[in-house]
Amino acid sequence: MRVLGEGFENVEEGILTVERLRNNIRRDLHFQFPDSFPYGHQGTSVAELADEMFRNEQTNAFSQLQCMNCDFLDDTIN
C-alpha cells in the first residue's frame, strides 16, 4: 500500500501516469509472487491481490478471553 500511495502522489505531481504506476505494481507483484501474479491472459485472484496489498507484518490488535468469576485468562490471539 505504501508503494501505491507514493505512486498516487507521483501521479498527482505529474511524475508518473496512472498506467505506469499500474505497470510498476504489476511488475513488483509478479517479481515477488510469479505464480500468483502472472503476466499475460492468465487470471489473478482478487482475494490474493487484496491479501498481498493489505498484508501487515505488525500486530495491530489482539484478543484474549478472560473470566471475571474464576480468573481464567486464555492466551492472546493476534
PDB file of N, CA and C in Angstrom:
ATOM      1  N   MET A   1       0.823  -1.188   0.000  1.00  0.00           N
ATOM      2  CA  MET A   1       0.000   0.000   0.000  1.00  0.00           C
ATOM      3  C   MET A   1       0.870   1.256   0.000  1.00  0.00           C
ATOM      4  N   ARG A   2       2.036   1.165   0.632  1.00  0.00           N
ATOM      5  CA  ARG A   2       2.940   2.311   0.643  1.00  0.00           C
ATOM      6  C   ARG A   2       3.340   2.683  -0.778  1.00  0.00           C
ATOM      7  N   VAL A   3       3.698   1.684  -1.570  1.00  0.00           N
ATOM      8  CA  VAL A   3       4.105   1.927  -2.953  1.00  0.00           C
ATOM      9  C   VAL A   3       2.947   2.543  -3.734  1.00  0.00           C
ATOM     10  N   LEU A   4       1.748   2.052  -3.512  1.00  0.00           N
ATOM     11  CA  LEU A   4       0.582   2.590  -4.194  1.00  0.00           C
ATOM     12  C   LEU A   4       0.322   4.036  -3.783  1.00  0.00           C
ATOM     13  N   GLY A   5       0.403   4.319  -2.496  1.00  0.00           N
ATOM     14  CA  GLY A   5       0.201   5.685  -2.009  1.00  0.00           C
ATOM     15  C   GLY A   5       1.231   6.652  -2.556  1.00  0.00           C
ATOM     16  N   GLU A   6       2.497   6.243  -2.527  1.00  0.00           N
ATOM     17  CA  GLU A   6       3.553   7.091  -3.081  1.00  0.00           C
ATOM     18  C   GLU A   6       3.368   7.265  -4.584  1.00  0.00           C
ATOM     19  N   GLY A   7       2.915   6.199  -5.229  1.00  0.00           N
ATOM     20  CA  GLY A   7       2.671   6.286  -6.667  1.00  0.00           C
ATOM     21  C   GLY A   7       1.575   7.284  -6.999  1.00  0.00           C
ATOM     22  N   PHE A   8       0.497   7.295  -6.218  1.00  0.00           N
ATOM     23  CA  PHE A   8      -0.581   8.261  -6.452  1.00  0.00           C
ATOM     24  C   PHE A   8      -0.085   9.692  -6.241  1.00  0.00           C
ATOM     25  N   GLU A   9       0.808   9.875  -5.277  1.00  0.00           N
ATOM     26  CA  GLU A   9       1.400  11.208  -5.098  1.00  0.00           C
ATOM     27  C   GLU A   9       2.194  11.598  -6.341  1.00  0.00           C
ATOM     28  N   ASN A  10       2.940  10.652  -6.897  1.00  0.00           N
ATOM     29  CA  ASN A  10       3.712  10.923  -8.110  1.00  0.00           C
ATOM     30  C   ASN A  10       2.809  11.205  -9.308  1.00  0.00           C
ATOM     31  N   VAL A  11       1.671  10.522  -9.374  1.00  0.00           N
ATOM     32  CA  VAL A  11       0.710  10.789 -10.443  1.00  0.00           C
ATOM     33  C   VAL A  11       0.166  12.201 -10.292  1.00  0.00           C
ATOM     34  N   GLU A  12      -0.173  12.571  -9.068  1.00  0.00           N
ATOM     35  CA  GLU A  12      -0.707  13.903  -8.814  1.00  0.00           C
ATOM     36  C   GLU A  12       0.300  14.997  -9.181  1.00  0.00           C
ATOM     37  N   GLU A  13       1.582  14.722  -8.955  1.00  0.00           N
ATOM     38  CA  GLU A  13       2.635  15.696  -9.264  1.00  0.00           C
ATOM     39  C   GLU A  13       3.072  15.651 -10.729  1.00  0.00           C
ATOM     40  N   GLY A  14       2.492  14.724 -11.494  1.00  0.00           N
ATOM     41  CA  GLY A  14       2.830  14.632 -12.912  1.00  0.00           C
ATOM     42  C   GLY A  14       4.101  13.867 -13.207  1.00  0.00           C
ATOM     43  N   ILE A  15       4.659  13.196 -12.209  1.00  0.00           N
ATOM     44  CA  ILE A  15       5.897  12.428 -12.391  1.00  0.00           C
ATOM     45  C   ILE A  15       5.606  11.094 -13.072  1.00  0.00           C
ATOM     46  N   LEU A  16       4.469  10.481 -12.744  1.00  0.00           N
ATOM     47  CA  LEU A  16       4.056   9.195 -13.298  1.00  0.00           C
ATOM     48  C   LEU A  16       2.669   9.318 -13.903  1.00  0.00           C
ATOM     49  N   THR A  17       2.366   8.434 -14.839  1.00  0.00           N
ATOM     50  CA  THR A  17       0.984   8.281 -15.289  1.00  0.00           C
ATOM     51  C   THR A  17       0.359   7.147 -14.480  1.00  0.00           C
ATOM     52  N   VAL A  18      -0.952   7.086 -14.471  1.00  0.00           N
ATOM     53  CA  VAL A  18      -1.644   6.003 -13.767  1.00  0.00           C
ATOM     54  C   VAL A  18      -1.264   4.661 -14.388  1.00  0.00           C
ATOM     55  N   GLU A  19      -1.127   4.637 -15.693  1.00  0.00           N
ATOM     56  CA  GLU A  19      -0.764   3.396 -16.379  1.00  0.00           C
ATOM     57  C   GLU A  19       0.630   2.924 -15.976  1.00  0.00           C
ATOM     58  N   ARG A  20       1.590   3.853 -15.864  1.00  0.00           N
ATOM     59  CA  ARG A  20       2.949   3.493 -15.461  1.00  0.00           C
ATOM     60  C   ARG A  20       2.946   2.983 -14.023  1.00  0.00           C
ATOM     61  N   LEU A  21       2.172   3.620 -13.153  1.00  0.00           N
ATOM     62  CA  LEU A  21       2.052   3.158 -11.767  1.00  0.00           C
ATOM     63  C   LEU A  21       1.503   1.742 -11.738  1.00  0.00           C
ATOM     64  N   ARG A  22       0.435   1.504 -12.492  1.00  0.00           N
ATOM     65  CA  ARG A  22      -0.147   0.160 -12.565  1.00  0.00           C
ATOM     66  C   ARG A  22       0.891  -0.855 -13.026  1.00  0.00           C
ATOM     67  N   ASN A  23       1.622  -0.520 -14.072  1.00  0.00           N
ATOM     68  CA  ASN A  23       2.626  -1.449 -14.600  1.00  0.00           C
ATOM     69  C   ASN A  23       3.743  -1.700 -13.597  1.00  0.00           C
ATOM     70  N   ASN A  24       4.146  -0.673 -12.865  1.00  0.00           N
ATOM     71  CA  ASN A  24       5.191  -0.851 -11.844  1.00  0.00           C
ATOM     72  C   ASN A  24       4.726  -1.802 -10.747  1.00  0.00           C
ATOM     73  N   ILE A  25       3.493  -1.644 -10.313  1.00  0.00           N
ATOM     74  CA  ILE A  25       2.970  -2.510  -9.256  1.00  0.00           C
ATOM     75  C   ILE A  25       2.806  -3.933  -9.773  1.00  0.00           C
ATOM     76  N   ARG A  26       2.325  -4.078 -11.004  1.00  0.00           N
ATOM     77  CA  ARG A  26       2.205  -5.419 -11.596  1.00  0.00           C
ATOM     78  C   ARG A  26       3.562  -6.097 -11.681  1.00  0.00           C
ATOM     79  N   ARG A  27       4.571  -5.351 -12.102  1.00  0.00           N
ATOM     80  CA  ARG A  27       5.932  -5.896 -12.208  1.00  0.00           C
ATOM     81  C   ARG A  27       6.436  -6.355 -10.844  1.00  0.00           C
ATOM     82  N   ASP A  28       6.253  -5.512  -9.822  1.00  0.00           N
ATOM     83  CA  ASP A  28       6.719  -5.862  -8.476  1.00  0.00           C
ATOM     84  C   ASP A  28       6.010  -7.100  -7.935  1.00  0.00           C
ATOM     85  N   LEU A  29       4.688  -7.161  -8.115  1.00  0.00           N
ATOM     86  CA  LEU A  29       3.941  -8.327  -7.642  1.00  0.00           C
ATOM     87  C   LEU A  29       4.364  -9.585  -8.385  1.00  0.00           C
ATOM     88  N   HIS A  30       4.553  -9.474  -9.693  1.00  0.00           N
ATOM     89  CA  HIS A  30       4.985 -10.633 -10.475  1.00  0.00           C
ATOM     90  C   HIS A  30       6.380 -11.093 -10.057  1.00  0.00           C
ATOM     91  N   PHE A  31       7.275 -10.150  -9.802  1.00  0.00           N
ATOM     92  CA  PHE A  31       8.634 -10.498  -9.400  1.00  0.00           C
ATOM     93  C   PHE A  31       8.631 -11.243  -8.062  1.00  0.00           C
ATOM     94  N   GLN A  32       7.819 -10.781  -7.104  1.00  0.00           N
ATOM     95  CA  GLN A  32       7.786 -11.393  -5.779  1.00  0.00           C
ATOM     96  C   GLN A  32       6.969 -12.686  -5.749  1.00  0.00           C
ATOM     97  N   PHE A  33       5.891 -12.752  -6.530  1.00  0.00           N
ATOM     98  CA  PHE A  33       4.973 -13.893  -6.494  1.00  0.00           C
ATOM     99  C   PHE A  33       4.563 -14.283  -7.915  1.00  0.00           C
ATOM    100  N   PRO A  34       5.485 -14.841  -8.713  1.00  0.00           N
ATOM    101  CA  PRO A  34       5.191 -15.111 -10.125  1.00  0.00           C
ATOM    102  C   PRO A  34       4.039 -16.091 -10.352  1.00  0.00           C
ATOM    103  N   ASP A  35       3.832 -17.031  -9.449  1.00  0.00           N
ATOM    104  CA  ASP A  35       2.741 -17.996  -9.632  1.00  0.00           C
ATOM    105  C   ASP A  35       1.371 -17.364  -9.375  1.00  0.00           C
ATOM    106  N   SER A  36       1.316 -16.447  -8.437  1.00  0.00           N
ATOM    107  CA  SER A  36       0.037 -15.812  -8.093  1.00  0.00           C
ATOM    108  C   SER A  36      -0.303 -14.640  -9.001  1.00  0.00           C
ATOM    109  N   PHE A  37       0.726 -13.970  -9.538  1.00  0.00           N
ATOM    110  CA  PHE A  37       0.506 -12.772 -10.351  1.00  0.00           C
ATOM    111  C   PHE A  37       1.243 -12.894 -11.677  1.00  0.00           C
ATOM    112  N   PRO A  38       0.736 -13.767 -12.562  1.00  0.00           N
ATOM    113  CA  PRO A  38       1.407 -13.991 -13.844  1.00  0.00           C
ATOM    114  C   PRO A  38       1.127 -12.863 -14.832  1.00  0.00           C
ATOM    115  N   TYR A  39       1.979 -12.742 -15.827  1.00  0.00           N
ATOM    116  CA  TYR A  39       1.735 -11.839 -16.948  1.00  0.00           C
ATOM    117  C   TYR A  39       0.890 -12.565 -17.982  1.00  0.00           C
ATOM    118  N   GLY A  40       0.333 -11.839 -18.893  1.00  0.00           N
ATOM    119  CA  GLY A  40      -0.417 -12.433 -19.985  1.00  0.00           C
ATOM    120  C   GLY A  40      -1.905 -12.505 -19.693  1.00  0.00           C
ATOM    121  N   HIS A  41      -2.556 -13.467 -20.343  1.00  0.00           N
ATOM    122  CA  HIS A  41      -4.015 -13.581 -20.256  1.00  0.00           C
ATOM    123  C   HIS A  41      -4.479 -14.478 -19.119  1.00  0.00           C
ATOM    124  N   GLN A  42      -3.559 -15.031 -18.369  1.00  0.00           N
ATOM    125  CA  GLN A  42      -3.917 -15.879 -17.239  1.00  0.00           C
ATOM    126  C   GLN A  42      -4.457 -15.002 -16.118  1.00  0.00           C
ATOM    127  N   GLY A  43      -5.522 -15.434 -15.475  1.00  0.00           N
ATOM    128  CA  GLY A  43      -6.173 -14.623 -14.448  1.00  0.00           C
ATOM    129  C   GLY A  43      -5.421 -14.572 -13.134  1.00  0.00           C
ATOM    130  N   THR A  44      -5.808 -13.598 -12.325  1.00  0.00           N
ATOM    131  CA  THR A  44      -5.248 -13.410 -10.993  1.00  0.00           C
ATOM    132  C   THR A  44      -6.394 -13.349 -10.000  1.00  0.00           C
ATOM    133  N   SER A  45      -6.217 -13.953  -8.859  1.00  0.00           N
ATOM    134  CA  SER A  45      -7.235 -13.943  -7.820  1.00  0.00           C
ATOM    135  C   SER A  45      -7.300 -12.568  -7.157  1.00  0.00           C
ATOM    136  N   VAL A  46      -8.481 -11.988  -7.132  1.00  0.00           N
ATOM    137  CA  VAL A  46      -8.664 -10.697  -6.467  1.00  0.00           C
ATOM    138  C   VAL A  46      -8.423 -10.850  -4.967  1.00  0.00           C
ATOM    139  N   ALA A  47      -8.806 -11.996  -4.414  1.00  0.00           N
ATOM    140  CA  ALA A  47      -8.579 -12.239  -2.981  1.00  0.00           C
ATOM    141  C   ALA A  47      -7.084 -12.270  -2.667  1.00  0.00           C
ATOM    142  N   GLU A  48      -6.283 -12.914  -3.522  1.00  0.00           N
ATOM    143  CA  GLU A  48      -4.830 -12.935  -3.304  1.00  0.00           C
ATOM    144  C   GLU A  48      -4.231 -11.547  -3.453  1.00  0.00           C
ATOM    145  N   LEU A  49      -4.740 -10.784  -4.419  1.00  0.00           N
ATOM    146  CA  LEU A  49      -4.259  -9.418  -4.607  1.00  0.00           C
ATOM    147  C   LEU A  49      -4.556  -8.582  -3.367  1.00  0.00           C
ATOM    148  N   ALA A  50      -5.778  -8.651  -2.858  1.00  0.00           N
ATOM    149  CA  ALA A  50      -6.145  -7.898  -1.655  1.00  0.00           C
ATOM    150  C   ALA A  50      -5.312  -8.350  -0.458  1.00  0.00           C
ATOM    151  N   ASP A  51      -5.086  -9.654  -0.346  1.00  0.00           N
ATOM    152  CA  ASP A  51      -4.283 -10.174   0.757  1.00  0.00           C
ATOM    153  C   ASP A  51      -2.868  -9.615   0.725  1.00  0.00           C
ATOM    154  N   GLU A  52      -2.261  -9.560  -0.446  1.00  0.00           N
ATOM    155  CA  GLU A  52      -0.904  -9.023  -0.560  1.00  0.00           C
ATOM    156  C   GLU A  52      -0.876  -7.509  -0.372  1.00  0.00           C
ATOM    157  N   MET A  53      -1.858  -6.812  -0.925  1.00  0.00           N
ATOM    158  CA  MET A  53      -1.872  -5.352  -0.837  1.00  0.00           C
ATOM    159  C   MET A  53      -2.064  -4.870   0.601  1.00  0.00           C
ATOM    160  N   PHE A  54      -2.861  -5.600   1.366  1.00  0.00           N
ATOM    161  CA  PHE A  54      -3.172  -5.161   2.724  1.00  0.00           C
ATOM    162  C   PHE A  54      -2.406  -5.929   3.793  1.00  0.00           C
ATOM    163  N   ARG A  55      -1.442  -6.740   3.385  1.00  0.00           N
ATOM    164  CA  ARG A  55      -0.653  -7.519   4.356  1.00  0.00           C
ATOM    165  C   ARG A  55       0.106  -6.562   5.276  1.00  0.00           C
ATOM    166  N   ASN A  56       0.097  -6.898   6.551  1.00  0.00           N
ATOM    167  CA  ASN A  56       0.790  -6.101   7.552  1.00  0.00           C
ATOM    168  C   ASN A  56       1.458  -7.072   8.516  1.00  0.00           C
ATOM    169  N   GLU A  57       2.757  -7.027   8.594  1.00  0.00           N
ATOM    170  CA  GLU A  57       3.507  -7.952   9.441  1.00  0.00           C
ATOM    171  C   GLU A  57       3.461  -7.566  10.915  1.00  0.00           C
ATOM    172  N   GLN A  58       3.059  -6.339  11.205  1.00  0.00           N
ATOM    173  CA  GLN A  58       2.998  -5.887  12.591  1.00  0.00           C
ATOM    174  C   GLN A  58       1.632  -6.219  13.190  1.00  0.00           C
ATOM    175  N   THR A  59       1.615  -6.548  14.477  1.00  0.00           N
ATOM    176  CA  THR A  59       0.368  -6.827  15.165  1.00  0.00           C
ATOM    177  C   THR A  59      -0.358  -5.516  15.435  1.00  0.00           C
ATOM    178  N   ASN A  60      -1.606  -5.442  14.977  1.00  0.00           N
ATOM    179  CA  ASN A  60      -2.404  -4.246  15.182  1.00  0.00           C
ATOM    180  C   ASN A  60      -3.330  -4.370  16.380  1.00  0.00           C
ATOM    181  N   ALA A  61      -3.702  -5.604  16.689  1.00  0.00           N
ATOM    182  CA  ALA A  61      -4.644  -5.836  17.784  1.00  0.00           C
ATOM    183  C   ALA A  61      -4.533  -7.290  18.222  1.00  0.00           C
ATOM    184  N   PHE A  62      -5.107  -7.590  19.344  1.00  0.00           N
ATOM    185  CA  PHE A  62      -5.174  -8.969  19.806  1.00  0.00           C
ATOM    186  C   PHE A  62      -6.448  -9.143  20.608  1.00  0.00           C
ATOM    187  N   SER A  63      -6.844 -10.415  20.774  1.00  0.00           N
ATOM    188  CA  SER A  63      -7.995 -10.723  21.620  1.00  0.00           C
ATOM    189  C   SER A  63      -7.555 -11.725  22.670  1.00  0.00           C
ATOM    190  N   GLN A  64      -8.279 -11.725  23.767  1.00  0.00           N
ATOM    191  CA  GLN A  64      -7.942 -12.613  24.870  1.00  0.00           C
ATOM    192  C   GLN A  64      -9.200 -12.847  25.704  1.00  0.00           C
ATOM    193  N   LEU A  65      -9.487 -14.116  25.943  1.00  0.00           N
ATOM    194  CA  LEU A  65     -10.641 -14.456  26.778  1.00  0.00           C
ATOM    195  C   LEU A  65     -10.256 -14.388  28.241  1.00  0.00           C
ATOM    196  N   GLN A  66     -11.134 -13.766  29.029  1.00  0.00           N
ATOM    197  CA  GLN A  66     -10.880 -13.637  30.460  1.00  0.00           C
ATOM    198  C   GLN A  66     -12.206 -13.793  31.190  1.00  0.00           C
ATOM    199  N   CYS A  67     -12.217 -14.649  32.205  1.00  0.00           N
ATOM    200  CA  CYS A  67     -13.405 -14.844  33.021  1.00  0.00           C
ATOM    201  C   CYS A  67     -13.276 -14.002  34.288  1.00  0.00           C
ATOM    202  N   MET A  68     -14.242 -13.171  34.515  1.00  0.00           N
ATOM    203  CA  MET A  68     -14.218 -12.292  35.683  1.00  0.00           C
ATOM    204  C   MET A  68     -14.586 -13.051  36.969  1.00  0.00           C
ATOM    205  N   ASN A  69     -15.221 -14.234  36.833  1.00  0.00           N
ATOM    206  CA  ASN A  69     -15.636 -15.012  38.010  1.00  0.00           C
ATOM    207  C   ASN A  69     -14.540 -15.927  38.530  1.00  0.00           C
ATOM    208  N   CYS A  70     -13.828 -16.609  37.623  1.00  0.00           N
ATOM    209  CA  CYS A  70     -12.855 -17.604  38.078  1.00  0.00           C
ATOM    210  C   CYS A  70     -11.415 -17.205  37.778  1.00  0.00           C
ATOM    211  N   ASP A  71     -11.175 -16.012  37.272  1.00  0.00           N
ATOM    212  CA  ASP A  71      -9.845 -15.510  36.946  1.00  0.00           C
ATOM    213  C   ASP A  71      -9.139 -16.299  35.842  1.00  0.00           C
ATOM    214  N   PHE A  72      -9.917 -17.028  35.026  1.00  0.00           N
ATOM    215  CA  PHE A  72      -9.344 -17.712  33.873  1.00  0.00           C
ATOM    216  C   PHE A  72      -8.855 -16.663  32.879  1.00  0.00           C
ATOM    217  N   LEU A  73      -7.664 -16.864  32.340  1.00  0.00           N
ATOM    218  CA  LEU A  73      -7.114 -15.968  31.345  1.00  0.00           C
ATOM    219  C   LEU A  73      -6.491 -16.809  30.224  1.00  0.00           C
ATOM    220  N   ASP A  74      -7.073 -16.750  29.038  1.00  0.00           N
ATOM    221  CA  ASP A  74      -6.616 -17.536  27.902  1.00  0.00           C
ATOM    222  C   ASP A  74      -5.430 -16.844  27.223  1.00  0.00           C
ATOM    223  N   ASP A  75      -4.742 -17.562  26.363  1.00  0.00           N
ATOM    224  CA  ASP A  75      -3.644 -16.988  25.599  1.00  0.00           C
ATOM    225  C   ASP A  75      -4.176 -15.916  24.651  1.00  0.00           C
ATOM    226  N   THR A  76      -3.319 -14.974  24.318  1.00  0.00           N
ATOM    227  CA  THR A  76      -3.721 -13.927  23.369  1.00  0.00           C
ATOM    228  C   THR A  76      -3.696 -14.482  21.948  1.00  0.00           C
ATOM    229  N   ILE A  77      -4.546 -13.928  21.111  1.00  0.00           N
ATOM    230  CA  ILE A  77      -4.611 -14.274  19.683  1.00  0.00           C
ATOM    231  C   ILE A  77      -4.424 -12.985  18.912  1.00  0.00           C
ATOM    232  N   ASN A  78      -3.374 -12.929  18.099  1.00  0.00           N
ATOM    233  CA  ASN A  78      -3.118 -11.735  17.288  1.00  0.00           C
ATOM    234  C   ASN A  78      -4.157 -11.612  16.190  1.00  0.00           C
TER     235      ASN A  78
END
